[in-house]
Amino acid sequence: MFAPMQCPKCGAEAAGKFCASCGAPLDPQRCAVCDAPLMPSARYCNQCGRPVAGAAAAAAQGAPSRNLPWYLLGASLLMIVGLLAFPLLRGGEPNVPATVPVTPDPGARTPPPLTGTPREQADRLFNRIMTEYDEGDTANARFFAPMGIQAYQMAEPLDADGLYHIALIYNVVGQFTDARTAAERILAENPNHLLGLAAAAEAAHRSGDAAAARTFQQRFISVYDAEVARGLPEYRDHARVLPEHLAAARRATGG
C-alpha cells in the first residue's frame, strides 16, 4: 500500500506510482544516460541535458520547445555579427546623404557561413558593404552598414585598420561625426597616419567642413611618401586605395 502524498506537478493528493489527476510519475526517476535523479515530469536531465524518455518523442511530434525564444535570439545575434565576404574596398565613393533605412535587394547574394574571430567576421562584413557600395548597390550597403558598425564595436579595441573600416562604414550611412571621431582615434596615436587622414578628410568633406577637409588633405599629401616607406601592415592591405586617396587630395587642393 502506498502512502498518500501531494503530486509535485498538479498539487493533488496522490498515491502509487502515478498521479490520478494529471498522470505525473510519483516515484523518482533517473536519467538513462548519466543516472542522475530526475524531477517528476522532467523533460530533460538537469545534469547532462539529455531528453528523458517521452520528451524526445514529444519533440518529434512537434511539441513546442521552451527554448525556442533563445534559439531565435541566438540566431539573430549570429546574423548581426558575421556575414559576408568579398574583396577589399575601392576609394572615391560617391556622396550619399543620410536617409532612412532601405529594404535590401531580395536578390542579394547569400552570405558565407559564420566562421573566424569577431574581428574576422567584422572585416568580411566590411568587405561586403564596401563592395556593394562601390558597385552602386547602396541599398544593400546601407542595409548591412549598422550590422558592420555593431560588429566592429563588438571587436573592440580596434587597431588603425579597424578604425579606418568603421569610419568608412559610418560615411556610408551619413554618420559623419562618428566617422571623423573614429579617424581621429587613429590620428591620436599617429598624427600622420594615412588611413586616419584619408578617413578624416572624407568625413569632413561630406559634413560640409571644407576647411578641415583641406587641412587633412594637405597633411596627407605632405607625409605620403614618408608614411608609405614605413611599410605598415595596414598600408600594405590598402596599397591599392592609398594612391587613389592621394590623387583625390591633390585634385581637391590643387597640390
C-alpha atoms as a PDB file:
ATOM      1  CA  MET A   1       0.000   0.000   0.000  1.00  0.00           C
ATOM      2  CA  PHE A   2       1.361   3.428  -0.964  1.00  0.00           C
ATOM      3  CA  ALA A   3       1.144   6.313   1.495  1.00  0.00           C
ATOM      4  CA  PRO A   4      -0.765   9.373   0.187  1.00  0.00           C
ATOM      5  CA  MET A   5       1.413  12.279  -0.995  1.00  0.00           C
ATOM      6  CA  GLN A   6       0.996  15.570  -2.847  1.00  0.00           C
ATOM      7  CA  CYS A   7       1.624  15.437  -6.603  1.00  0.00           C
ATOM      8  CA  PRO A   8       4.663  17.643  -7.328  1.00  0.00           C
ATOM      9  CA  LYS A   9       3.166  18.689 -10.671  1.00  0.00           C
ATOM     10  CA  CYS A  10      -0.541  19.488 -10.029  1.00  0.00           C
ATOM     11  CA  GLY A  11      -0.666  19.520  -6.210  1.00  0.00           C
ATOM     12  CA  ALA A  12      -3.445  16.942  -5.958  1.00  0.00           C
ATOM     13  CA  GLU A  13      -3.327  14.265  -3.256  1.00  0.00           C
ATOM     14  CA  ALA A  14      -1.992  11.136  -4.876  1.00  0.00           C
ATOM     15  CA  ALA A  15      -0.702   7.669  -4.128  1.00  0.00           C
ATOM     16  CA  GLY A  16       1.013   4.937  -6.069  1.00  0.00           C
ATOM     17  CA  LYS A  17       3.447   5.427  -8.905  1.00  0.00           C
ATOM     18  CA  PHE A  18       1.423   7.971 -10.930  1.00  0.00           C
ATOM     19  CA  CYS A  19      -0.891  10.878 -10.079  1.00  0.00           C
ATOM     20  CA  ALA A  20      -4.546  10.001 -10.734  1.00  0.00           C
ATOM     21  CA  SER A  21      -5.282  13.646 -11.668  1.00  0.00           C
ATOM     22  CA  CYS A  22      -2.520  14.535 -14.135  1.00  0.00           C
ATOM     23  CA  GLY A  23      -0.622  11.274 -14.683  1.00  0.00           C
ATOM     24  CA  ALA A  24       2.727  12.613 -13.461  1.00  0.00           C
ATOM     25  CA  PRO A  25       5.084   9.928 -12.083  1.00  0.00           C
ATOM     26  CA  LEU A  26       5.375   9.978  -8.297  1.00  0.00           C
ATOM     27  CA  ASP A  27       8.415   7.728  -7.940  1.00  0.00           C
ATOM     28  CA  PRO A  28      11.771   9.414  -8.549  1.00  0.00           C
ATOM     29  CA  GLN A  29      13.207   8.573 -11.953  1.00  0.00           C
ATOM     30  CA  ARG A  30      16.843   8.523 -13.070  1.00  0.00           C
ATOM     31  CA  CYS A  31      18.482   9.707 -16.276  1.00  0.00           C
ATOM     32  CA  ALA A  32      19.161   6.838 -18.679  1.00  0.00           C
ATOM     33  CA  VAL A  33      22.450   8.490 -19.759  1.00  0.00           C
ATOM     34  CA  CYS A  34      24.143   9.787 -16.578  1.00  0.00           C
ATOM     35  CA  ASP A  35      21.919   8.119 -13.898  1.00  0.00           C
ATOM     36  CA  ALA A  36      21.242  11.468 -12.191  1.00  0.00           C
ATOM     37  CA  PRO A  37      17.886  11.710 -10.302  1.00  0.00           C
ATOM     38  CA  LEU A  38      15.152  13.403 -12.305  1.00  0.00           C
ATOM     39  CA  MET A  39      12.445  15.764 -11.102  1.00  0.00           C
ATOM     40  CA  PRO A  40       8.905  14.422 -11.640  1.00  0.00           C
ATOM     41  CA  SER A  41       7.663  15.210 -15.160  1.00  0.00           C
ATOM     42  CA  ALA A  42      11.115  16.483 -16.203  1.00  0.00           C
ATOM     43  CA  ARG A  43      11.637  16.571 -19.969  1.00  0.00           C
ATOM     44  CA  TYR A  44      15.432  16.989 -19.784  1.00  0.00           C
ATOM     45  CA  CYS A  45      18.109  15.876 -17.327  1.00  0.00           C
ATOM     46  CA  ASN A  46      19.420  18.835 -15.325  1.00  0.00           C
ATOM     47  CA  GLN A  47      22.901  17.246 -15.196  1.00  0.00           C
ATOM     48  CA  CYS A  48      23.663  16.210 -18.773  1.00  0.00           C
ATOM     49  CA  GLY A  49      20.813  17.884 -20.685  1.00  0.00           C
ATOM     50  CA  ARG A  50      19.683  14.725 -22.452  1.00  0.00           C
ATOM     51  CA  PRO A  51      15.915  14.297 -23.054  1.00  0.00           C
ATOM     52  CA  VAL A  52      14.237  11.805 -20.739  1.00  0.00           C
ATOM     53  CA  ALA A  53      12.059   9.023 -22.085  1.00  0.00           C
ATOM     54  CA  GLY A  54       8.972  10.515 -23.706  1.00  0.00           C
ATOM     55  CA  ALA A  55      10.423  14.023 -24.155  1.00  0.00           C
ATOM     56  CA  ALA A  56      12.204  13.116 -27.375  1.00  0.00           C
ATOM     57  CA  ALA A  57       9.022  11.584 -28.754  1.00  0.00           C
ATOM     58  CA  ALA A  58       7.047  14.690 -27.859  1.00  0.00           C
ATOM     59  CA  ALA A  59       9.613  16.873 -29.611  1.00  0.00           C
ATOM     60  CA  ALA A  60       9.457  14.643 -32.688  1.00  0.00           C
ATOM     61  CA  GLN A  61       5.678  15.104 -32.768  1.00  0.00           C
ATOM     62  CA  GLY A  62       6.081  18.857 -32.848  1.00  0.00           C
ATOM     63  CA  ALA A  63       5.786  19.664 -29.123  1.00  0.00           C
ATOM     64  CA  PRO A  64       6.711  23.357 -28.658  1.00  0.00           C
ATOM     65  CA  SER A  65      10.115  23.973 -27.150  1.00  0.00           C
ATOM     66  CA  ARG A  66      10.521  26.312 -24.198  1.00  0.00           C
ATOM     67  CA  ASN A  67      13.961  27.197 -25.556  1.00  0.00           C
ATOM     68  CA  LEU A  68      12.669  28.426 -28.913  1.00  0.00           C
ATOM     69  CA  PRO A  69      12.883  32.156 -27.995  1.00  0.00           C
ATOM     70  CA  TRP A  70      16.540  31.666 -27.002  1.00  0.00           C
ATOM     71  CA  TYR A  71      17.316  29.868 -30.257  1.00  0.00           C
ATOM     72  CA  LEU A  72      15.763  32.747 -32.204  1.00  0.00           C
ATOM     73  CA  LEU A  73      17.712  35.318 -30.198  1.00  0.00           C
ATOM     74  CA  GLY A  74      20.944  33.422 -30.785  1.00  0.00           C
ATOM     75  CA  ALA A  75      20.271  33.202 -34.499  1.00  0.00           C
ATOM     76  CA  SER A  76      19.626  36.964 -34.640  1.00  0.00           C
ATOM     77  CA  LEU A  77      22.895  37.746 -32.870  1.00  0.00           C
ATOM     78  CA  LEU A  78      24.813  35.433 -35.187  1.00  0.00           C
ATOM     79  CA  MET A  79      23.261  37.171 -38.174  1.00  0.00           C
ATOM     80  CA  ILE A  80      24.385  40.563 -36.860  1.00  0.00           C
ATOM     81  CA  VAL A  81      27.943  39.522 -36.046  1.00  0.00           C
ATOM     82  CA  GLY A  82      29.034  37.627 -39.026  1.00  0.00           C
ATOM     83  CA  LEU A  83      28.144  37.839 -42.684  1.00  0.00           C
ATOM     84  CA  LEU A  84      29.625  38.128 -45.942  1.00  0.00           C
ATOM     85  CA  ALA A  85      32.776  38.352 -47.806  1.00  0.00           C
ATOM     86  CA  PHE A  86      34.136  39.988 -50.849  1.00  0.00           C
ATOM     87  CA  PRO A  87      37.303  41.749 -51.971  1.00  0.00           C
ATOM     88  CA  LEU A  88      38.704  44.950 -50.466  1.00  0.00           C
ATOM     89  CA  LEU A  89      37.158  48.335 -50.902  1.00  0.00           C
ATOM     90  CA  ARG A  90      37.974  50.922 -53.515  1.00  0.00           C
ATOM     91  CA  GLY A  91      38.397  54.590 -52.710  1.00  0.00           C
ATOM     92  CA  GLY A  92      36.496  57.607 -54.018  1.00  0.00           C
ATOM     93  CA  GLU A  93      32.927  56.712 -53.026  1.00  0.00           C
ATOM     94  CA  PRO A  94      30.114  58.959 -54.323  1.00  0.00           C
ATOM     95  CA  ASN A  95      28.318  61.215 -51.861  1.00  0.00           C
ATOM     96  CA  VAL A  96      25.330  59.589 -50.173  1.00  0.00           C
ATOM     97  CA  PRO A  97      23.037  61.644 -47.922  1.00  0.00           C
ATOM     98  CA  ALA A  98      21.947  60.323 -44.542  1.00  0.00           C
ATOM     99  CA  THR A  99      18.484  58.928 -45.146  1.00  0.00           C
ATOM    100  CA  VAL A 100      16.047  56.384 -43.773  1.00  0.00           C
ATOM    101  CA  PRO A 101      16.811  52.625 -43.749  1.00  0.00           C
ATOM    102  CA  VAL A 102      16.392  50.846 -47.057  1.00  0.00           C
ATOM    103  CA  THR A 103      14.961  47.404 -47.778  1.00  0.00           C
ATOM    104  CA  PRO A 104      17.698  45.157 -49.206  1.00  0.00           C
ATOM    105  CA  ASP A 105      17.574  43.756 -52.672  1.00  0.00           C
ATOM    106  CA  PRO A 106      15.765  40.404 -52.432  1.00  0.00           C
ATOM    107  CA  GLY A 107      18.192  39.036 -54.996  1.00  0.00           C
ATOM    108  CA  ALA A 108      21.238  39.845 -52.853  1.00  0.00           C
ATOM    109  CA  ARG A 109      23.937  37.185 -52.630  1.00  0.00           C
ATOM    110  CA  THR A 110      23.761  34.691 -49.776  1.00  0.00           C
ATOM    111  CA  PRO A 111      26.321  35.423 -47.023  1.00  0.00           C
ATOM    112  CA  PRO A 112      29.026  32.827 -46.330  1.00  0.00           C
ATOM    113  CA  PRO A 113      28.968  30.647 -43.182  1.00  0.00           C
ATOM    114  CA  LEU A 114      29.814  32.279 -39.869  1.00  0.00           C
ATOM    115  CA  THR A 115      33.468  31.480 -39.094  1.00  0.00           C
ATOM    116  CA  GLY A 116      36.542  33.050 -37.529  1.00  0.00           C
ATOM    117  CA  THR A 117      37.070  35.612 -34.777  1.00  0.00           C
ATOM    118  CA  PRO A 118      34.738  38.595 -34.191  1.00  0.00           C
ATOM    119  CA  ARG A 119      37.263  40.830 -35.990  1.00  0.00           C
ATOM    120  CA  GLU A 120      37.437  38.487 -38.997  1.00  0.00           C
ATOM    121  CA  GLN A 121      33.649  38.439 -39.164  1.00  0.00           C
ATOM    122  CA  ALA A 122      33.544  42.244 -38.990  1.00  0.00           C
ATOM    123  CA  ASP A 123      36.139  42.533 -41.773  1.00  0.00           C
ATOM    124  CA  ARG A 124      34.143  40.216 -44.030  1.00  0.00           C
ATOM    125  CA  LEU A 125      31.065  42.303 -43.420  1.00  0.00           C
ATOM    126  CA  PHE A 126      33.057  45.471 -44.176  1.00  0.00           C
ATOM    127  CA  ASN A 127      34.245  43.997 -47.464  1.00  0.00           C
ATOM    128  CA  ARG A 128      30.672  43.137 -48.409  1.00  0.00           C
ATOM    129  CA  ILE A 129      29.387  46.617 -47.552  1.00  0.00           C
ATOM    130  CA  MET A 130      32.088  48.466 -49.457  1.00  0.00           C
ATOM    131  CA  THR A 131      31.916  46.144 -52.468  1.00  0.00           C
ATOM    132  CA  GLU A 132      28.160  46.661 -52.719  1.00  0.00           C
ATOM    133  CA  TYR A 133      28.654  50.404 -52.270  1.00  0.00           C
ATOM    134  CA  ASP A 134      31.364  50.687 -54.932  1.00  0.00           C
ATOM    135  CA  GLU A 135      29.232  48.690 -57.353  1.00  0.00           C
ATOM    136  CA  GLY A 136      26.379  51.162 -56.874  1.00  0.00           C
ATOM    137  CA  ASP A 137      24.156  48.910 -54.738  1.00  0.00           C
ATOM    138  CA  THR A 138      23.739  51.499 -51.990  1.00  0.00           C
ATOM    139  CA  ALA A 139      20.511  49.893 -50.740  1.00  0.00           C
ATOM    140  CA  ASN A 140      22.238  46.681 -49.656  1.00  0.00           C
ATOM    141  CA  ALA A 141      25.350  48.530 -48.492  1.00  0.00           C
ATOM    142  CA  ARG A 142      23.320  50.793 -46.211  1.00  0.00           C
ATOM    143  CA  PHE A 143      21.165  47.905 -45.016  1.00  0.00           C
ATOM    144  CA  PHE A 144      24.198  45.938 -43.795  1.00  0.00           C
ATOM    145  CA  ALA A 145      26.105  49.004 -42.515  1.00  0.00           C
ATOM    146  CA  PRO A 146      24.523  49.045 -39.000  1.00  0.00           C
ATOM    147  CA  MET A 147      25.434  45.369 -38.640  1.00  0.00           C
ATOM    148  CA  GLY A 148      29.008  46.195 -39.673  1.00  0.00           C
ATOM    149  CA  ILE A 149      29.213  49.028 -37.151  1.00  0.00           C
ATOM    150  CA  GLN A 150      27.973  46.785 -34.356  1.00  0.00           C
ATOM    151  CA  ALA A 151      30.357  44.016 -35.419  1.00  0.00           C
ATOM    152  CA  TYR A 152      33.363  46.352 -35.114  1.00  0.00           C
ATOM    153  CA  GLN A 153      32.111  47.679 -31.789  1.00  0.00           C
ATOM    154  CA  MET A 154      31.988  44.097 -30.540  1.00  0.00           C
ATOM    155  CA  ALA A 155      35.571  43.575 -31.761  1.00  0.00           C
ATOM    156  CA  GLU A 156      36.999  46.500 -29.720  1.00  0.00           C
ATOM    157  CA  PRO A 157      39.688  47.545 -29.034  1.00  0.00           C
ATOM    158  CA  LEU A 158      40.298  48.316 -32.687  1.00  0.00           C
ATOM    159  CA  ASP A 159      43.628  48.958 -34.354  1.00  0.00           C
ATOM    160  CA  ALA A 160      44.141  51.641 -37.013  1.00  0.00           C
ATOM    161  CA  ASP A 161      42.899  49.326 -39.757  1.00  0.00           C
ATOM    162  CA  GLY A 162      39.676  48.535 -37.882  1.00  0.00           C
ATOM    163  CA  LEU A 163      39.057  52.199 -37.070  1.00  0.00           C
ATOM    164  CA  TYR A 164      39.524  53.067 -40.741  1.00  0.00           C
ATOM    165  CA  HIS A 165      36.976  50.408 -41.699  1.00  0.00           C
ATOM    166  CA  ILE A 166      34.341  51.576 -39.235  1.00  0.00           C
ATOM    167  CA  ALA A 167      34.922  55.208 -40.280  1.00  0.00           C
ATOM    168  CA  LEU A 168      34.181  54.295 -43.905  1.00  0.00           C
ATOM    169  CA  ILE A 169      31.021  52.441 -42.869  1.00  0.00           C
ATOM    170  CA  TYR A 170      29.894  55.484 -40.875  1.00  0.00           C
ATOM    171  CA  ASN A 171      30.401  57.570 -44.013  1.00  0.00           C
ATOM    172  CA  VAL A 172      28.207  55.157 -45.995  1.00  0.00           C
ATOM    173  CA  VAL A 173      25.226  55.841 -43.725  1.00  0.00           C
ATOM    174  CA  GLY A 174      25.923  59.563 -43.341  1.00  0.00           C
ATOM    175  CA  GLN A 175      27.139  59.453 -39.723  1.00  0.00           C
ATOM    176  CA  PHE A 176      29.949  61.859 -40.479  1.00  0.00           C
ATOM    177  CA  THR A 177      30.623  62.958 -36.889  1.00  0.00           C
ATOM    178  CA  ASP A 178      31.114  59.331 -35.844  1.00  0.00           C
ATOM    179  CA  ALA A 179      33.305  58.740 -38.903  1.00  0.00           C
ATOM    180  CA  ARG A 180      35.545  61.666 -38.015  1.00  0.00           C
ATOM    181  CA  THR A 181      35.742  60.547 -34.374  1.00  0.00           C
ATOM    182  CA  ALA A 182      36.933  57.100 -35.464  1.00  0.00           C
ATOM    183  CA  ALA A 183      39.502  58.658 -37.815  1.00  0.00           C
ATOM    184  CA  GLU A 184      40.809  60.968 -35.115  1.00  0.00           C
ATOM    185  CA  ARG A 185      41.310  57.977 -32.811  1.00  0.00           C
ATOM    186  CA  ILE A 186      43.868  56.815 -35.391  1.00  0.00           C
ATOM    187  CA  LEU A 187      45.467  60.254 -35.542  1.00  0.00           C
ATOM    188  CA  ALA A 188      45.707  60.418 -31.747  1.00  0.00           C
ATOM    189  CA  GLU A 189      48.220  57.550 -31.986  1.00  0.00           C
ATOM    190  CA  ASN A 190      49.928  58.768 -35.162  1.00  0.00           C
ATOM    191  CA  PRO A 191      49.064  62.277 -36.440  1.00  0.00           C
ATOM    192  CA  ASN A 192      50.435  61.376 -39.878  1.00  0.00           C
ATOM    193  CA  HIS A 193      48.694  58.047 -40.352  1.00  0.00           C
ATOM    194  CA  LEU A 194      47.490  57.950 -43.955  1.00  0.00           C
ATOM    195  CA  LEU A 195      44.314  55.969 -43.251  1.00  0.00           C
ATOM    196  CA  GLY A 196      43.337  58.310 -40.431  1.00  0.00           C
ATOM    197  CA  LEU A 197      43.965  61.395 -42.581  1.00  0.00           C
ATOM    198  CA  ALA A 198      42.049  59.952 -45.535  1.00  0.00           C
ATOM    199  CA  ALA A 199      39.034  58.957 -43.421  1.00  0.00           C
ATOM    200  CA  ALA A 200      39.017  62.282 -41.546  1.00  0.00           C
ATOM    201  CA  ALA A 201      39.227  64.253 -44.799  1.00  0.00           C
ATOM    202  CA  GLU A 202      36.323  62.282 -46.280  1.00  0.00           C
ATOM    203  CA  ALA A 203      34.154  62.778 -43.181  1.00  0.00           C
ATOM    204  CA  ALA A 204      34.933  66.497 -43.009  1.00  0.00           C
ATOM    205  CA  HIS A 205      34.229  66.936 -46.735  1.00  0.00           C
ATOM    206  CA  ARG A 206      30.896  65.113 -46.561  1.00  0.00           C
ATOM    207  CA  SER A 207      29.797  67.023 -43.477  1.00  0.00           C
ATOM    208  CA  GLY A 208      30.455  70.336 -45.228  1.00  0.00           C
ATOM    209  CA  ASP A 209      33.577  71.307 -43.255  1.00  0.00           C
ATOM    210  CA  ALA A 210      35.673  72.278 -46.270  1.00  0.00           C
ATOM    211  CA  ALA A 211      38.430  73.956 -44.242  1.00  0.00           C
ATOM    212  CA  ALA A 212      39.056  70.853 -42.108  1.00  0.00           C
ATOM    213  CA  ALA A 213      38.890  68.608 -45.158  1.00  0.00           C
ATOM    214  CA  ARG A 214      41.548  70.708 -46.904  1.00  0.00           C
ATOM    215  CA  THR A 215      43.798  70.622 -43.842  1.00  0.00           C
ATOM    216  CA  PHE A 216      43.629  66.824 -43.650  1.00  0.00           C
ATOM    217  CA  GLN A 217      44.209  66.509 -47.404  1.00  0.00           C
ATOM    218  CA  GLN A 218      47.257  68.793 -47.380  1.00  0.00           C
ATOM    219  CA  ARG A 219      48.782  66.866 -44.499  1.00  0.00           C
ATOM    220  CA  PHE A 220      48.072  63.605 -46.325  1.00  0.00           C
ATOM    221  CA  ILE A 221      49.999  64.863 -49.364  1.00  0.00           C
ATOM    222  CA  SER A 222      52.933  66.171 -47.327  1.00  0.00           C
ATOM    223  CA  VAL A 223      53.528  62.950 -45.362  1.00  0.00           C
ATOM    224  CA  TYR A 224      52.526  60.439 -48.026  1.00  0.00           C
ATOM    225  CA  ASP A 225      55.967  59.298 -49.205  1.00  0.00           C
ATOM    226  CA  ALA A 226      57.451  59.023 -45.712  1.00  0.00           C
ATOM    227  CA  GLU A 227      54.452  57.098 -44.391  1.00  0.00           C
ATOM    228  CA  VAL A 228      54.301  54.659 -47.307  1.00  0.00           C
ATOM    229  CA  ALA A 229      58.014  53.971 -46.756  1.00  0.00           C
ATOM    230  CA  ARG A 230      57.200  52.736 -43.239  1.00  0.00           C
ATOM    231  CA  GLY A 231      55.512  49.681 -44.758  1.00  0.00           C
ATOM    232  CA  LEU A 232      52.856  49.342 -42.072  1.00  0.00           C
ATOM    233  CA  PRO A 233      50.676  46.222 -42.446  1.00  0.00           C
ATOM    234  CA  GLU A 234      47.541  48.322 -42.919  1.00  0.00           C
ATOM    235  CA  TYR A 235      49.293  50.284 -45.686  1.00  0.00           C
ATOM    236  CA  ARG A 236      50.076  47.027 -47.471  1.00  0.00           C
ATOM    237  CA  ASP A 237      46.480  45.860 -47.027  1.00  0.00           C
ATOM    238  CA  HIS A 238      45.207  49.086 -48.619  1.00  0.00           C
ATOM    239  CA  ALA A 239      48.027  49.565 -51.128  1.00  0.00           C
ATOM    240  CA  ARG A 240      45.523  49.875 -53.955  1.00  0.00           C
ATOM    241  CA  VAL A 241      43.438  52.687 -52.444  1.00  0.00           C
ATOM    242  CA  LEU A 242      46.209  54.857 -50.980  1.00  0.00           C
ATOM    243  CA  PRO A 243      47.254  56.229 -54.404  1.00  0.00           C
ATOM    244  CA  GLU A 244      43.594  56.925 -55.125  1.00  0.00           C
ATOM    245  CA  HIS A 245      43.324  58.916 -51.876  1.00  0.00           C
ATOM    246  CA  LEU A 246      46.479  60.806 -52.872  1.00  0.00           C
ATOM    247  CA  ALA A 247      45.093  61.672 -56.307  1.00  0.00           C
ATOM    248  CA  ALA A 248      41.798  62.834 -54.763  1.00  0.00           C
ATOM    249  CA  ALA A 249      43.642  65.012 -52.223  1.00  0.00           C
ATOM    250  CA  ARG A 250      45.730  66.614 -54.967  1.00  0.00           C
ATOM    251  CA  ARG A 251      42.645  67.336 -57.061  1.00  0.00           C
ATOM    252  CA  ALA A 252      40.886  68.901 -54.066  1.00  0.00           C
ATOM    253  CA  THR A 253      43.817  71.092 -53.003  1.00  0.00           C
ATOM    254  CA  GLY A 254      45.469  71.734 -56.330  1.00  0.00           C
ATOM    255  CA  GLY A 255      48.625  70.278 -54.842  1.00  0.00           C
END
